[in-house]
PDB file of all heavy atoms in Angstrom:
ATOM      1  N   CYS A   1      25.824   3.290  -4.970  1.00  0.00           N
ATOM      2  CA  CYS A   1      26.765   2.409  -5.677  1.00  0.00           C
ATOM      3  C   CYS A   1      26.073   1.460  -6.665  1.00  0.00           C
ATOM      4  O   CYS A   1      26.523   1.340  -7.810  1.00  0.00           O
ATOM      5  CB  CYS A   1      27.621   1.641  -4.674  1.00  0.00           C
ATOM      6  SG  CYS A   1      28.748   2.715  -3.748  1.00  0.00           S
ATOM      7  N   PRO A   2      24.988   0.773  -6.281  1.00  0.00           N
ATOM      8  CA  PRO A   2      24.294  -0.047  -7.292  1.00  0.00           C
ATOM      9  C   PRO A   2      23.741   0.795  -8.440  1.00  0.00           C
ATOM     10  O   PRO A   2      23.778   0.364  -9.602  1.00  0.00           O
ATOM     11  CB  PRO A   2      23.157  -0.701  -6.489  1.00  0.00           C
ATOM     12  CG  PRO A   2      23.616  -0.671  -5.075  1.00  0.00           C
ATOM     13  CD  PRO A   2      24.395   0.599  -4.937  1.00  0.00           C
ATOM     14  N   ALA A   3      23.221   1.981  -8.113  1.00  0.00           N
ATOM     15  CA  ALA A   3      22.699   2.861  -9.163  1.00  0.00           C
ATOM     16  C   ALA A   3      23.802   3.244 -10.152  1.00  0.00           C
ATOM     17  O   ALA A   3      23.598   3.214 -11.375  1.00  0.00           O
ATOM     18  CB  ALA A   3      22.088   4.114  -8.533  1.00  0.00           C
ATOM     19  N   ALA A   4      24.970   3.594  -9.631  1.00  0.00           N
ATOM     20  CA  ALA A   4      26.089   3.981 -10.490  1.00  0.00           C
ATOM     21  C   ALA A   4      26.578   2.804 -11.325  1.00  0.00           C
ATOM     22  O   ALA A   4      26.927   2.962 -12.501  1.00  0.00           O
ATOM     23  CB  ALA A   4      27.234   4.527  -9.635  1.00  0.00           C
ATOM     24  N   PHE A   5      26.597   1.615 -10.743  1.00  0.00           N
ATOM     25  CA  PHE A   5      27.049   0.420 -11.469  1.00  0.00           C
ATOM     26  C   PHE A   5      26.131   0.133 -12.652  1.00  0.00           C
ATOM     27  O   PHE A   5      26.599  -0.107 -13.774  1.00  0.00           O
ATOM     28  CB  PHE A   5      27.079  -0.780 -10.517  1.00  0.00           C
ATOM     29  CG  PHE A   5      27.502  -2.060 -11.179  1.00  0.00           C
ATOM     30  CD1 PHE A   5      28.843  -2.329 -11.392  1.00  0.00           C
ATOM     31  CD2 PHE A   5      26.556  -2.992 -11.596  1.00  0.00           C
ATOM     32  CE1 PHE A   5      29.235  -3.504 -12.022  1.00  0.00           C
ATOM     33  CE2 PHE A   5      26.932  -4.164 -12.219  1.00  0.00           C
ATOM     34  CZ  PHE A   5      28.283  -4.428 -12.438  1.00  0.00           C
ATOM     35  N   VAL A   6      24.830   0.165 -12.428  1.00  0.00           N
ATOM     36  CA  VAL A   6      23.874  -0.098 -13.506  1.00  0.00           C
ATOM     37  C   VAL A   6      23.959   0.997 -14.576  1.00  0.00           C
ATOM     38  O   VAL A   6      23.953   0.709 -15.787  1.00  0.00           O
ATOM     39  CB  VAL A   6      22.436  -0.199 -12.960  1.00  0.00           C
ATOM     40  CG1 VAL A   6      21.423  -0.304 -14.102  1.00  0.00           C
ATOM     41  CG2 VAL A   6      22.301  -1.396 -12.027  1.00  0.00           C
ATOM     42  N   TYR A   7      24.069   2.258 -14.139  1.00  0.00           N
ATOM     43  CA  TYR A   7      24.114   3.363 -15.093  1.00  0.00           C
ATOM     44  C   TYR A   7      25.355   3.298 -15.973  1.00  0.00           C
ATOM     45  O   TYR A   7      25.313   3.687 -17.145  1.00  0.00           O
ATOM     46  CB  TYR A   7      24.078   4.692 -14.338  1.00  0.00           C
ATOM     47  CG  TYR A   7      23.980   5.905 -15.243  1.00  0.00           C
ATOM     48  CD1 TYR A   7      22.866   6.111 -16.052  1.00  0.00           C
ATOM     49  CD2 TYR A   7      25.007   6.850 -15.283  1.00  0.00           C
ATOM     50  CE1 TYR A   7      22.773   7.224 -16.879  1.00  0.00           C
ATOM     51  CE2 TYR A   7      24.920   7.969 -16.101  1.00  0.00           C
ATOM     52  CZ  TYR A   7      23.807   8.144 -16.901  1.00  0.00           C
ATOM     53  OH  TYR A   7      23.715   9.245 -17.715  1.00  0.00           O
ATOM     54  N   ARG A   8      26.449   2.797 -15.448  1.00  0.00           N
ATOM     55  CA  ARG A   8      27.658   2.631 -16.256  1.00  0.00           C
ATOM     56  C   ARG A   8      27.465   1.570 -17.332  1.00  0.00           C
ATOM     57  O   ARG A   8      28.055   1.656 -18.401  1.00  0.00           O
ATOM     58  CB  ARG A   8      28.842   2.254 -15.369  1.00  0.00           C
ATOM     59  CG  ARG A   8      29.393   3.422 -14.576  1.00  0.00           C
ATOM     60  CD  ARG A   8      30.898   3.432 -14.579  1.00  0.00           C
ATOM     61  NE  ARG A   8      31.420   4.766 -14.456  1.00  0.00           N
ATOM     62  CZ  ARG A   8      32.716   5.053 -14.490  1.00  0.00           C
ATOM     63  NH1 ARG A   8      33.594   4.092 -14.644  1.00  0.00           N
ATOM     64  NH2 ARG A   8      33.130   6.304 -14.378  1.00  0.00           N
ATOM     65  N   LYS A   9      26.636   0.575 -17.031  1.00  0.00           N
ATOM     66  CA  LYS A   9      26.369  -0.477 -18.005  1.00  0.00           C
ATOM     67  C   LYS A   9      25.328  -0.038 -19.029  1.00  0.00           C
ATOM     68  O   LYS A   9      25.401  -0.410 -20.204  1.00  0.00           O
ATOM     69  CB  LYS A   9      25.877  -1.738 -17.283  1.00  0.00           C
ATOM     70  CG  LYS A   9      26.870  -2.333 -16.296  1.00  0.00           C
ATOM     71  CD  LYS A   9      28.117  -2.834 -16.985  1.00  0.00           C
ATOM     72  CE  LYS A   9      29.069  -3.482 -15.993  1.00  0.00           C
ATOM     73  NZ  LYS A   9      30.322  -3.977 -16.640  1.00  0.00           N
ATOM     74  N   VAL A  10      24.333   0.720 -18.579  1.00  0.00           N
ATOM     75  CA  VAL A  10      23.253   1.199 -19.461  1.00  0.00           C
ATOM     76  C   VAL A  10      23.216   2.717 -19.344  1.00  0.00           C
ATOM     77  O   VAL A  10      22.485   3.286 -18.533  1.00  0.00           O
ATOM     78  CB  VAL A  10      21.894   0.584 -19.074  1.00  0.00           C
ATOM     79  CG1 VAL A  10      20.833   0.959 -20.102  1.00  0.00           C
ATOM     80  CG2 VAL A  10      21.988  -0.924 -18.921  1.00  0.00           C
ATOM     81  N   HIS A  11      23.993   3.390 -20.180  1.00  0.00           N
ATOM     82  CA  HIS A  11      24.216   4.834 -20.035  1.00  0.00           C
ATOM     83  C   HIS A  11      23.128   5.620 -20.761  1.00  0.00           C
ATOM     84  O   HIS A  11      23.373   6.344 -21.742  1.00  0.00           O
ATOM     85  CB  HIS A  11      25.599   5.196 -20.566  1.00  0.00           C
ATOM     86  CG  HIS A  11      26.117   6.495 -20.035  1.00  0.00           C
ATOM     87  ND1 HIS A  11      26.552   6.659 -18.745  1.00  0.00           N
ATOM     88  CD2 HIS A  11      26.249   7.703 -20.634  1.00  0.00           C
ATOM     89  CE1 HIS A  11      26.948   7.909 -18.573  1.00  0.00           C
ATOM     90  NE2 HIS A  11      26.771   8.569 -19.700  1.00  0.00           N
ATOM     91  N   THR A  12      21.888   5.480 -20.277  1.00  0.00           N
ATOM     92  CA  THR A  12      20.740   6.178 -20.853  1.00  0.00           C
ATOM     93  C   THR A  12      19.825   6.619 -19.712  1.00  0.00           C
ATOM     94  O   THR A  12      20.047   6.270 -18.551  1.00  0.00           O
ATOM     95  CB  THR A  12      19.942   5.252 -21.792  1.00  0.00           C
ATOM     96  OG1 THR A  12      19.455   4.131 -21.026  1.00  0.00           O
ATOM     97  CG2 THR A  12      20.809   4.739 -22.930  1.00  0.00           C
ATOM     98  N   ARG A  13      18.774   7.399 -20.058  1.00  0.00           N
ATOM     99  CA  ARG A  13      17.789   7.764 -19.038  1.00  0.00           C
ATOM    100  C   ARG A  13      17.152   6.516 -18.438  1.00  0.00           C
ATOM    101  O   ARG A  13      16.908   6.444 -17.239  1.00  0.00           O
ATOM    102  CB  ARG A  13      16.720   8.675 -19.639  1.00  0.00           C
ATOM    103  CG  ARG A  13      17.215  10.073 -20.003  1.00  0.00           C
ATOM    104  CD  ARG A  13      16.034  10.971 -20.351  1.00  0.00           C
ATOM    105  NE  ARG A  13      16.494  12.308 -20.725  1.00  0.00           N
ATOM    106  CZ  ARG A  13      16.641  12.727 -21.970  1.00  0.00           C
ATOM    107  NH1 ARG A  13      16.372  11.898 -22.980  1.00  0.00           N
ATOM    108  NH2 ARG A  13      17.058  13.951 -22.236  1.00  0.00           N
ATOM    109  N   LYS A  14      16.850   5.550 -19.298  1.00  0.00           N
ATOM    110  CA  LYS A  14      16.266   4.294 -18.817  1.00  0.00           C
ATOM    111  C   LYS A  14      17.218   3.607 -17.854  1.00  0.00           C
ATOM    112  O   LYS A  14      16.803   3.081 -16.813  1.00  0.00           O
ATOM    113  CB  LYS A  14      15.957   3.374 -20.000  1.00  0.00           C
ATOM    114  CG  LYS A  14      15.328   2.055 -19.608  1.00  0.00           C
ATOM    115  CD  LYS A  14      15.025   1.196 -20.830  1.00  0.00           C
ATOM    116  CE  LYS A  14      14.425  -0.143 -20.433  1.00  0.00           C
ATOM    117  NZ  LYS A  14      14.145  -0.991 -21.631  1.00  0.00           N
ATOM    118  N   GLY A  15      18.496   3.623 -18.189  1.00  0.00           N
ATOM    119  CA  GLY A  15      19.492   3.027 -17.299  1.00  0.00           C
ATOM    120  C   GLY A  15      19.555   3.740 -15.960  1.00  0.00           C
ATOM    121  O   GLY A  15      19.735   3.102 -14.914  1.00  0.00           O
ATOM    122  N   ALA A  16      19.401   5.070 -15.987  1.00  0.00           N
ATOM    123  CA  ALA A  16      19.410   5.835 -14.740  1.00  0.00           C
ATOM    124  C   ALA A  16      18.221   5.452 -13.860  1.00  0.00           C
ATOM    125  O   ALA A  16      18.367   5.252 -12.644  1.00  0.00           O
ATOM    126  CB  ALA A  16      19.382   7.330 -15.040  1.00  0.00           C
ATOM    127  N   VAL A  17      17.035   5.328 -14.483  1.00  0.00           N
ATOM    128  CA  VAL A  17      15.834   4.965 -13.717  1.00  0.00           C
ATOM    129  C   VAL A  17      15.976   3.549 -13.149  1.00  0.00           C
ATOM    130  O   VAL A  17      15.667   3.307 -11.975  1.00  0.00           O
ATOM    131  CB  VAL A  17      14.575   5.073 -14.608  1.00  0.00           C
ATOM    132  CG1 VAL A  17      13.356   4.521 -13.872  1.00  0.00           C
ATOM    133  CG2 VAL A  17      14.341   6.524 -15.011  1.00  0.00           C
ATOM    134  N   ILE A  18      16.444   2.622 -13.984  1.00  0.00           N
ATOM    135  CA  ILE A  18      16.621   1.249 -13.513  1.00  0.00           C
ATOM    136  C   ILE A  18      17.659   1.202 -12.398  1.00  0.00           C
ATOM    137  O   ILE A  18      17.465   0.549 -11.368  1.00  0.00           O
ATOM    138  CB  ILE A  18      17.038   0.328 -14.673  1.00  0.00           C
ATOM    139  CG1 ILE A  18      15.901   0.210 -15.693  1.00  0.00           C
ATOM    140  CG2 ILE A  18      17.428  -1.057 -14.156  1.00  0.00           C
ATOM    141  CD1 ILE A  18      16.289  -0.540 -16.956  1.00  0.00           C
ATOM    142  N   GLY A  19      18.782   1.890 -12.601  1.00  0.00           N
ATOM    143  CA  GLY A  19      19.842   1.889 -11.596  1.00  0.00           C
ATOM    144  C   GLY A  19      19.378   2.454 -10.265  1.00  0.00           C
ATOM    145  O   GLY A  19      19.657   1.883  -9.208  1.00  0.00           O
ATOM    146  N   LEU A  20      18.675   3.569 -10.313  1.00  0.00           N
ATOM    147  CA  LEU A  20      18.186   4.181  -9.077  1.00  0.00           C
ATOM    148  C   LEU A  20      17.128   3.304  -8.412  1.00  0.00           C
ATOM    149  O   LEU A  20      17.057   3.243  -7.179  1.00  0.00           O
ATOM    150  CB  LEU A  20      17.621   5.568  -9.373  1.00  0.00           C
ATOM    151  CG  LEU A  20      18.673   6.630  -9.733  1.00  0.00           C
ATOM    152  CD1 LEU A  20      18.021   7.875 -10.309  1.00  0.00           C
ATOM    153  CD2 LEU A  20      19.524   6.991  -8.519  1.00  0.00           C
ATOM    154  N   SER A  21      16.319   2.619  -9.209  1.00  0.00           N
ATOM    155  CA  SER A  21      15.327   1.695  -8.645  1.00  0.00           C
ATOM    156  C   SER A  21      16.034   0.549  -7.922  1.00  0.00           C
ATOM    157  O   SER A  21      15.619   0.143  -6.828  1.00  0.00           O
ATOM    158  CB  SER A  21      14.421   1.142  -9.750  1.00  0.00           C
ATOM    159  OG  SER A  21      13.708   2.175 -10.392  1.00  0.00           O
ATOM    160  N   VAL A  22      17.086   0.032  -8.541  1.00  0.00           N
ATOM    161  CA  VAL A  22      17.893  -1.003  -7.880  1.00  0.00           C
ATOM    162  C   VAL A  22      18.501  -0.450  -6.595  1.00  0.00           C
ATOM    163  O   VAL A  22      18.562  -1.143  -5.570  1.00  0.00           O
ATOM    164  CB  VAL A  22      19.001  -1.514  -8.831  1.00  0.00           C
ATOM    165  CG1 VAL A  22      19.963  -2.441  -8.098  1.00  0.00           C
ATOM    166  CG2 VAL A  22      18.391  -2.241 -10.021  1.00  0.00           C
ATOM    167  N   GLY A  23      18.945   0.810  -6.641  1.00  0.00           N
ATOM    168  CA  GLY A  23      19.498   1.446  -5.445  1.00  0.00           C
ATOM    169  C   GLY A  23      18.489   1.544  -4.320  1.00  0.00           C
ATOM    170  O   GLY A  23      18.821   1.316  -3.151  1.00  0.00           O
ATOM    171  N   VAL A  24      17.234   1.869  -4.657  1.00  0.00           N
ATOM    172  CA  VAL A  24      16.178   1.945  -3.636  1.00  0.00           C
ATOM    173  C   VAL A  24      15.953   0.588  -2.996  1.00  0.00           C
ATOM    174  O   VAL A  24      15.880   0.459  -1.765  1.00  0.00           O
ATOM    175  CB  VAL A  24      14.863   2.476  -4.253  1.00  0.00           C
ATOM    176  CG1 VAL A  24      13.733   2.384  -3.230  1.00  0.00           C
ATOM    177  CG2 VAL A  24      15.030   3.920  -4.720  1.00  0.00           C
ATOM    178  N   VAL A  25      15.864  -0.450  -3.825  1.00  0.00           N
ATOM    179  CA  VAL A  25      15.652  -1.812  -3.304  1.00  0.00           C
ATOM    180  C   VAL A  25      16.821  -2.243  -2.426  1.00  0.00           C
ATOM    181  O   VAL A  25      16.636  -2.817  -1.345  1.00  0.00           O
ATOM    182  CB  VAL A  25      15.453  -2.807  -4.465  1.00  0.00           C
ATOM    183  CG1 VAL A  25      15.392  -4.243  -3.947  1.00  0.00           C
ATOM    184  CG2 VAL A  25      14.176  -2.481  -5.229  1.00  0.00           C
ATOM    185  N   THR A  26      18.034  -1.944  -2.882  1.00  0.00           N
ATOM    186  CA  THR A  26      19.221  -2.305  -2.097  1.00  0.00           C
ATOM    187  C   THR A  26      19.255  -1.556  -0.775  1.00  0.00           C
ATOM    188  O   THR A  26      19.572  -2.132   0.276  1.00  0.00           O
ATOM    189  CB  THR A  26      20.497  -2.001  -2.900  1.00  0.00           C
ATOM    190  OG1 THR A  26      20.436  -2.649  -4.170  1.00  0.00           O
ATOM    191  CG2 THR A  26      21.735  -2.496  -2.154  1.00  0.00           C
ATOM    192  N   LEU A  27      18.936  -0.271  -0.813  1.00  0.00           N
ATOM    193  CA  LEU A  27      18.892   0.531   0.408  1.00  0.00           C
ATOM    194  C   LEU A  27      17.913  -0.068   1.409  1.00  0.00           C
ATOM    195  O   LEU A  27      18.250  -0.239   2.596  1.00  0.00           O
ATOM    196  CB  LEU A  27      18.480   1.963   0.065  1.00  0.00           C
ATOM    197  CG  LEU A  27      18.147   2.876   1.257  1.00  0.00           C
ATOM    198  CD1 LEU A  27      19.392   3.167   2.069  1.00  0.00           C
ATOM    199  CD2 LEU A  27      17.496   4.167   0.782  1.00  0.00           C
ATOM    200  N   VAL A  28      16.711  -0.400   0.955  1.00  0.00           N
ATOM    201  CA  VAL A  28      15.699  -0.954   1.853  1.00  0.00           C
ATOM    202  C   VAL A  28      16.179  -2.269   2.454  1.00  0.00           C
ATOM    203  O   VAL A  28      16.101  -2.482   3.673  1.00  0.00           O
ATOM    204  CB  VAL A  28      14.365  -1.164   1.099  1.00  0.00           C
ATOM    205  CG1 VAL A  28      13.382  -1.938   1.965  1.00  0.00           C
ATOM    206  CG2 VAL A  28      13.767   0.183   0.697  1.00  0.00           C
ATOM    207  N   GLY A  29      16.712  -3.162   1.619  1.00  0.00           N
ATOM    208  CA  GLY A  29      17.171  -4.458   2.110  1.00  0.00           C
ATOM    209  C   GLY A  29      18.318  -4.343   3.104  1.00  0.00           C
ATOM    210  O   GLY A  29      18.300  -4.977   4.169  1.00  0.00           O
ATOM    211  N   VAL A  30      19.311  -3.522   2.755  1.00  0.00           N
ATOM    212  CA  VAL A  30      20.481  -3.366   3.630  1.00  0.00           C
ATOM    213  C   VAL A  30      20.095  -2.733   4.958  1.00  0.00           C
ATOM    214  O   VAL A  30      20.538  -3.175   6.030  1.00  0.00           O
ATOM    215  CB  VAL A  30      21.560  -2.517   2.915  1.00  0.00           C
ATOM    216  CG1 VAL A  30      22.650  -2.090   3.895  1.00  0.00           C
ATOM    217  CG2 VAL A  30      22.171  -3.317   1.771  1.00  0.00           C
ATOM    218  N   MET A  31      19.247  -1.711   4.911  1.00  0.00           N
ATOM    219  CA  MET A  31      18.897  -1.022   6.150  1.00  0.00           C
ATOM    220  C   MET A  31      17.967  -1.848   7.031  1.00  0.00           C
ATOM    221  O   MET A  31      18.018  -1.745   8.270  1.00  0.00           O
ATOM    222  CB  MET A  31      18.277   0.339   5.844  1.00  0.00           C
ATOM    223  CG  MET A  31      19.227   1.290   5.130  1.00  0.00           C
ATOM    224  SD  MET A  31      20.911   1.346   5.822  1.00  0.00           S
ATOM    225  CE  MET A  31      20.601   2.102   7.412  1.00  0.00           C
ATOM    226  N   LEU A  32      17.119  -2.687   6.442  1.00  0.00           N
ATOM    227  CA  LEU A  32      16.310  -3.592   7.253  1.00  0.00           C
ATOM    228  C   LEU A  32      17.208  -4.564   8.012  1.00  0.00           C
ATOM    229  O   LEU A  32      17.019  -4.799   9.216  1.00  0.00           O
ATOM    230  CB  LEU A  32      15.322  -4.365   6.377  1.00  0.00           C
ATOM    231  CG  LEU A  32      14.092  -3.604   5.878  1.00  0.00           C
ATOM    232  CD1 LEU A  32      13.247  -4.494   4.985  1.00  0.00           C
ATOM    233  CD2 LEU A  32      13.253  -3.080   7.044  1.00  0.00           C
ATOM    234  N   LEU A  33      18.189  -5.113   7.315  1.00  0.00           N
ATOM    235  CA  LEU A  33      19.122  -6.046   7.964  1.00  0.00           C
ATOM    236  C   LEU A  33      19.946  -5.329   9.027  1.00  0.00           C
ATOM    237  O   LEU A  33      20.105  -5.836  10.154  1.00  0.00           O
ATOM    238  CB  LEU A  33      20.039  -6.666   6.910  1.00  0.00           C
ATOM    239  CG  LEU A  33      21.122  -7.620   7.435  1.00  0.00           C
ATOM    240  CD1 LEU A  33      20.491  -8.808   8.150  1.00  0.00           C
ATOM    241  CD2 LEU A  33      22.036  -8.083   6.303  1.00  0.00           C
ATOM    242  N   TRP A  34      20.453  -4.133   8.683  1.00  0.00           N
ATOM    243  CA  TRP A  34      21.283  -3.379   9.614  1.00  0.00           C
ATOM    244  C   TRP A  34      20.497  -3.003  10.865  1.00  0.00           C
ATOM    245  O   TRP A  34      20.992  -3.144  11.986  1.00  0.00           O
ATOM    246  CB  TRP A  34      21.820  -2.128   8.923  1.00  0.00           C
ATOM    247  CG  TRP A  34      22.630  -1.245   9.824  1.00  0.00           C
ATOM    248  CD1 TRP A  34      22.220  -0.101  10.440  1.00  0.00           C
ATOM    249  CD2 TRP A  34      23.988  -1.432  10.224  1.00  0.00           C
ATOM    250  NE1 TRP A  34      23.217   0.446  11.190  1.00  0.00           N
ATOM    251  CE2 TRP A  34      24.329  -0.351  11.079  1.00  0.00           C
ATOM    252  CE3 TRP A  34      24.952  -2.388   9.947  1.00  0.00           C
ATOM    253  CZ2 TRP A  34      25.587  -0.223  11.654  1.00  0.00           C
ATOM    254  CZ3 TRP A  34      26.217  -2.258  10.521  1.00  0.00           C
ATOM    255  CH2 TRP A  34      26.513  -1.184  11.355  1.00  0.00           C
TER     256      TRP A  34
END
């Protein structure tokens, strides 16, 4: 979901990389808490 949100705002390859990187960070943070 964070990856898709960022990619919708920045619809480029760079946006995809940034979005997926944000997704990785979010995944790690959420799963550590969970």
